[in-house]
């Protein structure tokens, strides 16, 4: 995985493991680790940060009330997350061209 992985505190203890794969968040700052990005998302101060919307959408997909910090933390405590794609793909998604 690129720039490390996030492993929730209870992820390994789950009977059924959950692995979430994403694209790179390193368009933000390449020195930030995956662990730091998830911790930033879980911080009570960050409720609508645009750069963290991926995590918000994942939580919603699991039925989490993203307005409740405790619920977000409970979900992310149970999962493994890593960046499988080593670069941010926003330009590719918008243009349809690789390397755009």
PDB file of N, CA and C in Angstrom:
ATOM      1  N   UNK A   1       0.848  -1.176   0.000  1.00  0.00           N
ATOM      2  CA  UNK A   1       0.000   0.000   0.000  1.00  0.00           C
ATOM      3  C   UNK A   1       0.894   1.239   0.000  1.00  0.00           C
ATOM      4  N   UNK A   2       0.432   2.279  -0.610  1.00  0.00           N
ATOM      5  CA  UNK A   2       1.191   3.505  -0.720  1.00  0.00           C
ATOM      6  C   UNK A   2       1.024   4.356   0.533  1.00  0.00           C
ATOM      7  N   UNK A   3       2.124   4.797   1.079  1.00  0.00           N
ATOM      8  CA  UNK A   3       2.167   5.659   2.270  1.00  0.00           C
ATOM      9  C   UNK A   3       1.526   5.011   3.484  1.00  0.00           C
ATOM     10  N   UNK A   4       1.652   3.720   3.590  1.00  0.00           N
ATOM     11  CA  UNK A   4       1.173   3.019   4.774  1.00  0.00           C
ATOM     12  C   UNK A   4      -0.305   2.690   4.725  1.00  0.00           C
ATOM     13  N   UNK A   5      -0.765   2.088   5.803  1.00  0.00           N
ATOM     14  CA  UNK A   5      -2.170   1.715   5.913  1.00  0.00           C
ATOM     15  C   UNK A   5      -2.731   2.249   7.219  1.00  0.00           C
ATOM     16  N   UNK A   6      -4.036   2.290   7.264  1.00  0.00           N
ATOM     17  CA  UNK A   6      -4.731   2.603   8.509  1.00  0.00           C
ATOM     18  C   UNK A   6      -5.332   1.291   8.994  1.00  0.00           C
ATOM     19  N   UNK A   7      -5.035   0.941  10.217  1.00  0.00           N
ATOM     20  CA  UNK A   7      -5.623  -0.255  10.817  1.00  0.00           C
ATOM     21  C   UNK A   7      -6.370   0.183  12.063  1.00  0.00           C
ATOM     22  N   UNK A   8      -7.692   0.040  12.023  1.00  0.00           N
ATOM     23  CA  UNK A   8      -8.498   0.392  13.179  1.00  0.00           C
ATOM     24  C   UNK A   8      -8.098  -0.426  14.387  1.00  0.00           C
ATOM     25  N   UNK A   9      -8.288   0.130  15.559  1.00  0.00           N
ATOM     26  CA  UNK A   9      -7.857  -0.516  16.801  1.00  0.00           C
ATOM     27  C   UNK A   9      -8.453  -1.916  16.970  1.00  0.00           C
ATOM     28  N   UNK A  10      -9.673  -2.120  16.471  1.00  0.00           N
ATOM     29  CA  UNK A  10     -10.339  -3.416  16.634  1.00  0.00           C
ATOM     30  C   UNK A  10     -10.439  -4.198  15.316  1.00  0.00           C
ATOM     31  N   UNK A  11      -9.771  -3.727  14.286  1.00  0.00           N
ATOM     32  CA  UNK A  11      -9.903  -4.346  12.958  1.00  0.00           C
ATOM     33  C   UNK A  11      -9.479  -5.811  12.943  1.00  0.00           C
ATOM     34  N   UNK A  12      -8.379  -6.106  13.564  1.00  0.00           N
ATOM     35  CA  UNK A  12      -7.866  -7.466  13.522  1.00  0.00           C
ATOM     36  C   UNK A  12      -8.727  -8.429  14.338  1.00  0.00           C
ATOM     37  N   UNK A  13      -9.465  -7.918  15.300  1.00  0.00           N
ATOM     38  CA  UNK A  13     -10.295  -8.769  16.162  1.00  0.00           C
ATOM     39  C   UNK A  13     -11.649  -9.104  15.542  1.00  0.00           C
ATOM     40  N   UNK A  14     -11.994  -8.483  14.413  1.00  0.00           N
ATOM     41  CA  UNK A  14     -13.289  -8.722  13.779  1.00  0.00           C
ATOM     42  C   UNK A  14     -13.332 -10.107  13.156  1.00  0.00           C
ATOM     43  N   UNK A  15     -14.454 -10.789  13.315  1.00  0.00           N
ATOM     44  CA  UNK A  15     -14.610 -12.104  12.703  1.00  0.00           C
ATOM     45  C   UNK A  15     -14.529 -11.995  11.185  1.00  0.00           C
ATOM     46  N   UNK A  16     -15.247 -11.010  10.644  1.00  0.00           N
ATOM     47  CA  UNK A  16     -15.192 -10.734   9.208  1.00  0.00           C
ATOM     48  C   UNK A  16     -14.417  -9.436   9.033  1.00  0.00           C
ATOM     49  N   UNK A  17     -13.298  -9.535   8.348  1.00  0.00           N
ATOM     50  CA  UNK A  17     -12.425  -8.381   8.142  1.00  0.00           C
ATOM     51  C   UNK A  17     -12.970  -7.497   7.031  1.00  0.00           C
ATOM     52  N   UNK A  18     -12.782  -6.194   7.184  1.00  0.00           N
ATOM     53  CA  UNK A  18     -13.200  -5.230   6.167  1.00  0.00           C
ATOM     54  C   UNK A  18     -11.957  -4.491   5.688  1.00  0.00           C
ATOM     55  N   UNK A  19     -11.687  -4.580   4.386  1.00  0.00           N
ATOM     56  CA  UNK A  19     -10.581  -3.863   3.765  1.00  0.00           C
ATOM     57  C   UNK A  19     -11.171  -2.846   2.796  1.00  0.00           C
ATOM     58  N   UNK A  20     -10.836  -1.599   2.997  1.00  0.00           N
ATOM     59  CA  UNK A  20     -11.291  -0.531   2.110  1.00  0.00           C
ATOM     60  C   UNK A  20     -10.079  -0.038   1.336  1.00  0.00           C
ATOM     61  N   UNK A  21     -10.196  -0.031   0.012  1.00  0.00           N
ATOM     62  CA  UNK A  21      -9.121   0.445  -0.845  1.00  0.00           C
ATOM     63  C   UNK A  21      -9.523   1.775  -1.454  1.00  0.00           C
ATOM     64  N   UNK A  22      -8.583   2.678  -1.532  1.00  0.00           N
ATOM     65  CA  UNK A  22      -8.866   3.988  -2.092  1.00  0.00           C
ATOM     66  C   UNK A  22      -7.750   4.439  -3.001  1.00  0.00           C
ATOM     67  N   UNK A  23      -7.949   5.627  -3.540  1.00  0.00           N
ATOM     68  CA  UNK A  23      -6.905   6.229  -4.352  1.00  0.00           C
ATOM     69  C   UNK A  23      -6.093   7.173  -3.472  1.00  0.00           C
ATOM     70  N   UNK A  24      -4.982   7.590  -3.972  1.00  0.00           N
ATOM     71  CA  UNK A  24      -4.079   8.411  -3.196  1.00  0.00           C
ATOM     72  C   UNK A  24      -4.714   9.719  -2.749  1.00  0.00           C
ATOM     73  N   UNK A  25      -4.371  10.110  -1.546  1.00  0.00           N
ATOM     74  CA  UNK A  25      -4.762  11.417  -1.011  1.00  0.00           C
ATOM     75  C   UNK A  25      -3.575  12.360  -1.068  1.00  0.00           C
ATOM     76  N   UNK A  26      -2.519  11.968  -1.748  1.00  0.00           N
ATOM     77  CA  UNK A  26      -1.272  12.709  -1.683  1.00  0.00           C
ATOM     78  C   UNK A  26      -1.208  13.889  -2.629  1.00  0.00           C
ATOM     79  N   UNK A  27      -2.334  14.261  -3.227  1.00  0.00           N
ATOM     80  CA  UNK A  27      -2.392  15.539  -3.914  1.00  0.00           C
ATOM     81  C   UNK A  27      -2.420  16.640  -2.857  1.00  0.00           C
ATOM     82  N   UNK A  28      -2.761  16.265  -1.618  1.00  0.00           N
ATOM     83  CA  UNK A  28      -2.825  17.225  -0.516  1.00  0.00           C
ATOM     84  C   UNK A  28      -1.423  17.563  -0.026  1.00  0.00           C
ATOM     85  N   UNK A  29      -0.671  16.548   0.351  1.00  0.00           N
ATOM     86  CA  UNK A  29       0.678  16.714   0.893  1.00  0.00           C
ATOM     87  C   UNK A  29       1.298  15.330   0.942  1.00  0.00           C
ATOM     88  N   UNK A  30       2.321  15.121   0.166  1.00  0.00           N
ATOM     89  CA  UNK A  30       2.888  13.776   0.059  1.00  0.00           C
ATOM     90  C   UNK A  30       3.597  13.306   1.320  1.00  0.00           C
ATOM     91  N   UNK A  31       3.786  14.182   2.297  1.00  0.00           N
ATOM     92  CA  UNK A  31       4.445  13.755   3.532  1.00  0.00           C
ATOM     93  C   UNK A  31       3.454  13.211   4.559  1.00  0.00           C
ATOM     94  N   UNK A  32       2.170  13.363   4.305  1.00  0.00           N
ATOM     95  CA  UNK A  32       1.147  12.909   5.241  1.00  0.00           C
ATOM     96  C   UNK A  32       0.893  11.422   5.032  1.00  0.00           C
ATOM     97  N   UNK A  33       0.881  10.660   6.116  1.00  0.00           N
ATOM     98  CA  UNK A  33       0.639   9.221   6.009  1.00  0.00           C
ATOM     99  C   UNK A  33      -0.861   8.933   5.942  1.00  0.00           C
ATOM    100  N   UNK A  34      -1.187   7.743   5.506  1.00  0.00           N
ATOM    101  CA  UNK A  34      -2.578   7.303   5.451  1.00  0.00           C
ATOM    102  C   UNK A  34      -3.188   7.323   6.851  1.00  0.00           C
ATOM    103  N   UNK A  35      -2.433   6.877   7.833  1.00  0.00           N
ATOM    104  CA  UNK A  35      -2.893   6.889   9.231  1.00  0.00           C
ATOM    105  C   UNK A  35      -3.284   8.314   9.641  1.00  0.00           C
ATOM    106  N   UNK A  36      -2.460   9.290   9.301  1.00  0.00           N
ATOM    107  CA  UNK A  36      -2.732  10.685   9.670  1.00  0.00           C
ATOM    108  C   UNK A  36      -3.977  11.227   8.967  1.00  0.00           C
ATOM    109  N   UNK A  37      -4.181  10.835   7.724  1.00  0.00           N
ATOM    110  CA  UNK A  37      -5.355  11.309   6.985  1.00  0.00           C
ATOM    111  C   UNK A  37      -6.644  10.795   7.631  1.00  0.00           C
ATOM    112  N   UNK A  38      -6.683   9.503   7.985  1.00  0.00           N
ATOM    113  CA  UNK A  38      -7.879   8.945   8.623  1.00  0.00           C
ATOM    114  C   UNK A  38      -8.086   9.584   9.994  1.00  0.00           C
ATOM    115  N   UNK A  39      -7.024   9.760  10.742  1.00  0.00           N
ATOM    116  CA  UNK A  39      -7.148  10.412  12.053  1.00  0.00           C
ATOM    117  C   UNK A  39      -7.663  11.842  11.907  1.00  0.00           C
ATOM    118  N   UNK A  40      -7.231  12.532  10.857  1.00  0.00           N
ATOM    119  CA  UNK A  40      -7.731  13.878  10.584  1.00  0.00           C
ATOM    120  C   UNK A  40      -9.235  13.840  10.315  1.00  0.00           C
ATOM    121  N   UNK A  41      -9.668  12.863   9.511  1.00  0.00           N
ATOM    122  CA  UNK A  41     -11.101  12.712   9.232  1.00  0.00           C
ATOM    123  C   UNK A  41     -11.888  12.466  10.523  1.00  0.00           C
ATOM    124  N   UNK A  42     -11.345  11.670  11.420  1.00  0.00           N
ATOM    125  CA  UNK A  42     -12.050  11.319  12.650  1.00  0.00           C
ATOM    126  C   UNK A  42     -12.023  12.427  13.699  1.00  0.00           C
ATOM    127  N   UNK A  43     -11.226  13.437  13.485  1.00  0.00           N
ATOM    128  CA  UNK A  43     -11.138  14.549  14.425  1.00  0.00           C
ATOM    129  C   UNK A  43     -12.477  15.291  14.491  1.00  0.00           C
ATOM    130  N   UNK A  44     -12.956  15.614  15.692  1.00  0.00           N
ATOM    131  CA  UNK A  44     -14.244  16.319  15.829  1.00  0.00           C
ATOM    132  C   UNK A  44     -14.290  17.661  15.109  1.00  0.00           C
ATOM    133  N   UNK A  45     -13.147  18.276  14.879  1.00  0.00           N
ATOM    134  CA  UNK A  45     -13.121  19.580  14.206  1.00  0.00           C
ATOM    135  C   UNK A  45     -13.388  19.487  12.702  1.00  0.00           C
ATOM    136  N   UNK A  46     -13.190  18.312  12.113  1.00  0.00           N
ATOM    137  CA  UNK A  46     -13.326  18.148  10.667  1.00  0.00           C
ATOM    138  C   UNK A  46     -14.629  17.442  10.320  1.00  0.00           C
ATOM    139  N   UNK A  47     -15.647  18.230  10.103  1.00  0.00           N
ATOM    140  CA  UNK A  47     -16.938  17.635   9.775  1.00  0.00           C
ATOM    141  C   UNK A  47     -17.285  17.762   8.300  1.00  0.00           C
ATOM    142  N   UNK A  48     -16.742  18.760   7.619  1.00  0.00           N
ATOM    143  CA  UNK A  48     -17.120  18.968   6.218  1.00  0.00           C
ATOM    144  C   UNK A  48     -15.935  19.226   5.299  1.00  0.00           C
ATOM    145  N   UNK A  49     -14.731  18.936   5.733  1.00  0.00           N
ATOM    146  CA  UNK A  49     -13.539  19.194   4.931  1.00  0.00           C
ATOM    147  C   UNK A  49     -13.657  18.487   3.584  1.00  0.00           C
ATOM    148  N   UNK A  50     -13.621  19.228   2.511  1.00  0.00           N
ATOM    149  CA  UNK A  50     -13.824  18.694   1.165  1.00  0.00           C
ATOM    150  C   UNK A  50     -12.834  17.585   0.826  1.00  0.00           C
ATOM    151  N   UNK A  51     -11.592  17.731   1.229  1.00  0.00           N
ATOM    152  CA  UNK A  51     -10.581  16.737   0.887  1.00  0.00           C
ATOM    153  C   UNK A  51     -10.812  15.393   1.574  1.00  0.00           C
ATOM    154  N   UNK A  52     -11.703  15.348   2.554  1.00  0.00           N
ATOM    155  CA  UNK A  52     -11.960  14.105   3.284  1.00  0.00           C
ATOM    156  C   UNK A  52     -13.323  13.504   2.942  1.00  0.00           C
ATOM    157  N   UNK A  53     -13.950  13.957   1.872  1.00  0.00           N
ATOM    158  CA  UNK A  53     -15.275  13.482   1.500  1.00  0.00           C
ATOM    159  C   UNK A  53     -15.299  11.992   1.170  1.00  0.00           C
ATOM    160  N   UNK A  54     -14.201  11.440   0.681  1.00  0.00           N
ATOM    161  CA  UNK A  54     -14.127  10.006   0.401  1.00  0.00           C
ATOM    162  C   UNK A  54     -14.477   9.214   1.653  1.00  0.00           C
ATOM    163  N   UNK A  55     -13.888   9.579   2.787  1.00  0.00           N
ATOM    164  CA  UNK A  55     -14.112   8.878   4.047  1.00  0.00           C
ATOM    165  C   UNK A  55     -15.552   9.057   4.524  1.00  0.00           C
ATOM    166  N   UNK A  56     -16.079  10.237   4.301  1.00  0.00           N
ATOM    167  CA  UNK A  56     -17.464  10.540   4.647  1.00  0.00           C
ATOM    168  C   UNK A  56     -18.412   9.631   3.852  1.00  0.00           C
ATOM    169  N   UNK A  57     -18.161   9.488   2.570  1.00  0.00           N
ATOM    170  CA  UNK A  57     -19.014   8.654   1.715  1.00  0.00           C
ATOM    171  C   UNK A  57     -18.932   7.180   2.112  1.00  0.00           C
ATOM    172  N   UNK A  58     -17.752   6.718   2.475  1.00  0.00           N
ATOM    173  CA  UNK A  58     -17.600   5.330   2.928  1.00  0.00           C
ATOM    174  C   UNK A  58     -18.428   5.115   4.189  1.00  0.00           C
ATOM    175  N   UNK A  59     -18.323   6.036   5.139  1.00  0.00           N
ATOM    176  CA  UNK A  59     -19.086   5.914   6.387  1.00  0.00           C
ATOM    177  C   UNK A  59     -20.589   5.886   6.093  1.00  0.00           C
ATOM    178  N   UNK A  60     -21.045   6.737   5.198  1.00  0.00           N
ATOM    179  CA  UNK A  60     -22.470   6.745   4.831  1.00  0.00           C
ATOM    180  C   UNK A  60     -22.892   5.412   4.223  1.00  0.00           C
ATOM    181  N   UNK A  61     -22.013   4.816   3.418  1.00  0.00           N
ATOM    182  CA  UNK A  61     -22.323   3.528   2.794  1.00  0.00           C
ATOM    183  C   UNK A  61     -22.531   2.429   3.834  1.00  0.00           C
ATOM    184  N   UNK A  62     -21.921   2.576   5.000  1.00  0.00           N
ATOM    185  CA  UNK A  62     -22.085   1.617   6.093  1.00  0.00           C
ATOM    186  C   UNK A  62     -23.213   2.026   7.040  1.00  0.00           C
ATOM    187  N   UNK A  63     -23.969   3.060   6.667  1.00  0.00           N
ATOM    188  CA  UNK A  63     -25.110   3.484   7.481  1.00  0.00           C
ATOM    189  C   UNK A  63     -24.738   4.298   8.704  1.00  0.00           C
ATOM    190  N   UNK A  64     -23.562   4.877   8.705  1.00  0.00           N
ATOM    191  CA  UNK A  64     -23.097   5.661   9.847  1.00  0.00           C
ATOM    192  C   UNK A  64     -23.684   7.069   9.797  1.00  0.00           C
ATOM    193  N   UNK A  65     -24.139   7.556  10.939  1.00  0.00           N
ATOM    194  CA  UNK A  65     -24.563   8.947  11.064  1.00  0.00           C
ATOM    195  C   UNK A  65     -23.293   9.770  11.182  1.00  0.00           C
ATOM    196  N   UNK A  66     -22.864  10.363  10.074  1.00  0.00           N
ATOM    197  CA  UNK A  66     -21.569  11.042  10.034  1.00  0.00           C
ATOM    198  C   UNK A  66     -21.548  12.336  10.840  1.00  0.00           C
ATOM    199  N   UNK A  67     -22.685  12.731  11.349  1.00  0.00           N
ATOM    200  CA  UNK A  67     -22.734  13.885  12.232  1.00  0.00           C
ATOM    201  C   UNK A  67     -22.315  13.525  13.653  1.00  0.00           C
ATOM    202  N   UNK A  68     -22.164  12.238  13.908  1.00  0.00           N
ATOM    203  CA  UNK A  68     -21.792  11.769  15.246  1.00  0.00           C
ATOM    204  C   UNK A  68     -20.372  11.210  15.212  1.00  0.00           C
ATOM    205  N   UNK A  69     -19.457  11.926  15.836  1.00  0.00           N
ATOM    206  CA  UNK A  69     -18.049  11.543  15.838  1.00  0.00           C
ATOM    207  C   UNK A  69     -17.853  10.125  16.363  1.00  0.00           C
ATOM    208  N   UNK A  70     -18.618   9.754  17.398  1.00  0.00           N
ATOM    209  CA  UNK A  70     -18.473   8.420  17.995  1.00  0.00           C
ATOM    210  C   UNK A  70     -18.815   7.321  16.994  1.00  0.00           C
ATOM    211  N   UNK A  71     -19.845   7.561  16.163  1.00  0.00           N
ATOM    212  CA  UNK A  71     -20.245   6.546  15.178  1.00  0.00           C
ATOM    213  C   UNK A  71     -19.188   6.391  14.089  1.00  0.00           C
ATOM    214  N   UNK A  72     -18.630   7.508  13.637  1.00  0.00           N
ATOM    215  CA  UNK A  72     -17.561   7.433  12.633  1.00  0.00           C
ATOM    216  C   UNK A  72     -16.380   6.652  13.197  1.00  0.00           C
ATOM    217  N   UNK A  73     -16.009   6.966  14.422  1.00  0.00           N
ATOM    218  CA  UNK A  73     -14.867   6.300  15.047  1.00  0.00           C
ATOM    219  C   UNK A  73     -15.130   4.807  15.227  1.00  0.00           C
ATOM    220  N   UNK A  74     -16.357   4.457  15.581  1.00  0.00           N
ATOM    221  CA  UNK A  74     -16.705   3.038  15.776  1.00  0.00           C
ATOM    222  C   UNK A  74     -16.527   2.258  14.472  1.00  0.00           C
ATOM    223  N   UNK A  75     -16.948   2.833  13.351  1.00  0.00           N
ATOM    224  CA  UNK A  75     -16.760   2.166  12.056  1.00  0.00           C
ATOM    225  C   UNK A  75     -15.274   2.039  11.724  1.00  0.00           C
ATOM    226  N   UNK A  76     -14.555   3.144  11.739  1.00  0.00           N
ATOM    227  CA  UNK A  76     -13.166   3.143  11.310  1.00  0.00           C
ATOM    228  C   UNK A  76     -12.279   2.340  12.261  1.00  0.00           C
ATOM    229  N   UNK A  77     -12.731   2.104  13.477  1.00  0.00           N
ATOM    230  CA  UNK A  77     -12.002   1.227  14.398  1.00  0.00           C
ATOM    231  C   UNK A  77     -12.025  -0.223  13.933  1.00  0.00           C
ATOM    232  N   UNK A  78     -12.961  -0.572  13.074  1.00  0.00           N
ATOM    233  CA  UNK A  78     -13.163  -1.965  12.662  1.00  0.00           C
ATOM    234  C   UNK A  78     -12.624  -2.289  11.275  1.00  0.00           C
ATOM    235  N   UNK A  79     -11.964  -1.350  10.620  1.00  0.00           N
ATOM    236  CA  UNK A  79     -11.563  -1.574   9.234  1.00  0.00           C
ATOM    237  C   UNK A  79     -10.059  -1.410   9.022  1.00  0.00           C
ATOM    238  N   UNK A  80      -9.622  -1.972   7.904  1.00  0.00           N
ATOM    239  CA  UNK A  80      -8.291  -1.729   7.366  1.00  0.00           C
ATOM    240  C   UNK A  80      -8.505  -0.830   6.149  1.00  0.00           C
ATOM    241  N   UNK A  81      -7.643   0.159   5.954  1.00  0.00           N
ATOM    242  CA  UNK A  81      -7.757   1.041   4.798  1.00  0.00           C
ATOM    243  C   UNK A  81      -6.381   1.302   4.220  1.00  0.00           C
ATOM    244  N   UNK A  82      -6.303   1.259   2.907  1.00  0.00           N
ATOM    245  CA  UNK A  82      -5.037   1.577   2.247  1.00  0.00           C
ATOM    246  C   UNK A  82      -5.269   2.188   0.885  1.00  0.00           C
ATOM    247  N   UNK A  83      -4.262   2.876   0.408  1.00  0.00           N
ATOM    248  CA  UNK A  83      -4.295   3.483  -0.924  1.00  0.00           C
ATOM    249  C   UNK A  83      -3.709   2.500  -1.919  1.00  0.00           C
ATOM    250  N   UNK A  84      -4.548   1.933  -2.735  1.00  0.00           N
ATOM    251  CA  UNK A  84      -4.110   0.961  -3.721  1.00  0.00           C
ATOM    252  C   UNK A  84      -3.589   1.658  -4.971  1.00  0.00           C
ATOM    253  N   UNK A  85      -4.159   2.799  -5.259  1.00  0.00           N
ATOM    254  CA  UNK A  85      -3.761   3.576  -6.434  1.00  0.00           C
ATOM    255  C   UNK A  85      -2.838   4.681  -5.935  1.00  0.00           C
ATOM    256  N   UNK A  86      -1.636   4.771  -6.481  1.00  0.00           N
ATOM    257  CA  UNK A  86      -0.621   5.634  -5.894  1.00  0.00           C
ATOM    258  C   UNK A  86      -0.671   7.097  -6.297  1.00  0.00           C
ATOM    259  N   UNK A  87      -1.702   7.506  -7.007  1.00  0.00           N
ATOM    260  CA  UNK A  87      -1.822   8.932  -7.306  1.00  0.00           C
ATOM    261  C   UNK A  87      -3.289   9.324  -7.348  1.00  0.00           C
ATOM    262  N   UNK A  88      -3.527  10.603  -7.165  1.00  0.00           N
ATOM    263  CA  UNK A  88      -4.877  11.139  -7.146  1.00  0.00           C
ATOM    264  C   UNK A  88      -5.429  11.132  -8.571  1.00  0.00           C
ATOM    265  N   UNK A  89      -6.665  10.667  -8.751  1.00  0.00           N
ATOM    266  CA  UNK A  89      -7.217  10.468 -10.093  1.00  0.00           C
ATOM    267  C   UNK A  89      -8.270  11.484 -10.525  1.00  0.00           C
ATOM    268  N   UNK A  90      -8.413  12.586  -9.838  1.00  0.00           N
ATOM    269  CA  UNK A  90      -9.466  13.548 -10.174  1.00  0.00           C
ATOM    270  C   UNK A  90      -9.372  14.006 -11.626  1.00  0.00           C
ATOM    271  N   UNK A  91      -8.183  14.294 -12.099  1.00  0.00           N
ATOM    272  CA  UNK A  91      -8.034  14.759 -13.484  1.00  0.00           C
ATOM    273  C   UNK A  91      -8.410  13.679 -14.473  1.00  0.00           C
ATOM    274  N   UNK A  92      -8.062  12.433 -14.178  1.00  0.00           N
ATOM    275  CA  UNK A  92      -8.408  11.334 -15.072  1.00  0.00           C
ATOM    276  C   UNK A  92      -9.915  11.150 -15.116  1.00  0.00           C
ATOM    277  N   UNK A  93     -10.554  11.186 -13.944  1.00  0.00           N
ATOM    278  CA  UNK A  93     -12.013  11.021 -13.887  1.00  0.00           C
ATOM    279  C   UNK A  93     -12.713  12.105 -14.688  1.00  0.00           C
ATOM    280  N   UNK A  94     -12.220  13.328 -14.599  1.00  0.00           N
ATOM    281  CA  UNK A  94     -12.874  14.447 -15.273  1.00  0.00           C
ATOM    282  C   UNK A  94     -12.622  14.437 -16.768  1.00  0.00           C
ATOM    283  N   UNK A  95     -11.410  14.107 -17.187  1.00  0.00           N
ATOM    284  CA  UNK A  95     -11.060  14.209 -18.599  1.00  0.00           C
ATOM    285  C   UNK A  95     -11.229  12.889 -19.347  1.00  0.00           C
ATOM    286  N   UNK A  96     -11.195  11.776 -18.622  1.00  0.00           N
ATOM    287  CA  UNK A  96     -11.246  10.481 -19.270  1.00  0.00           C
ATOM    288  C   UNK A  96      -9.925  10.058 -19.882  1.00  0.00           C
ATOM    289  N   UNK A  97      -8.865  10.866 -19.689  1.00  0.00           N
ATOM    290  CA  UNK A  97      -7.561  10.566 -20.255  1.00  0.00           C
ATOM    291  C   UNK A  97      -6.566  10.263 -19.150  1.00  0.00           C
ATOM    292  N   UNK A  98      -5.825   9.224 -19.321  1.00  0.00           N
ATOM    293  CA  UNK A  98      -4.762   8.902 -18.375  1.00  0.00           C
ATOM    294  C   UNK A  98      -3.596   9.846 -18.619  1.00  0.00           C
ATOM    295  N   UNK A  99      -3.067  10.395 -17.526  1.00  0.00           N
ATOM    296  CA  UNK A  99      -1.939  11.315 -17.624  1.00  0.00           C
ATOM    297  C   UNK A  99      -2.352  12.737 -17.914  1.00  0.00           C
ATOM    298  N   UNK A 100      -3.639  13.013 -17.865  1.00  0.00           N
ATOM    299  CA  UNK A 100      -4.120  14.377 -18.146  1.00  0.00           C
ATOM    300  C   UNK A 100      -3.773  15.308 -17.014  1.00  0.00           C
TER     301      UNK A 100
END
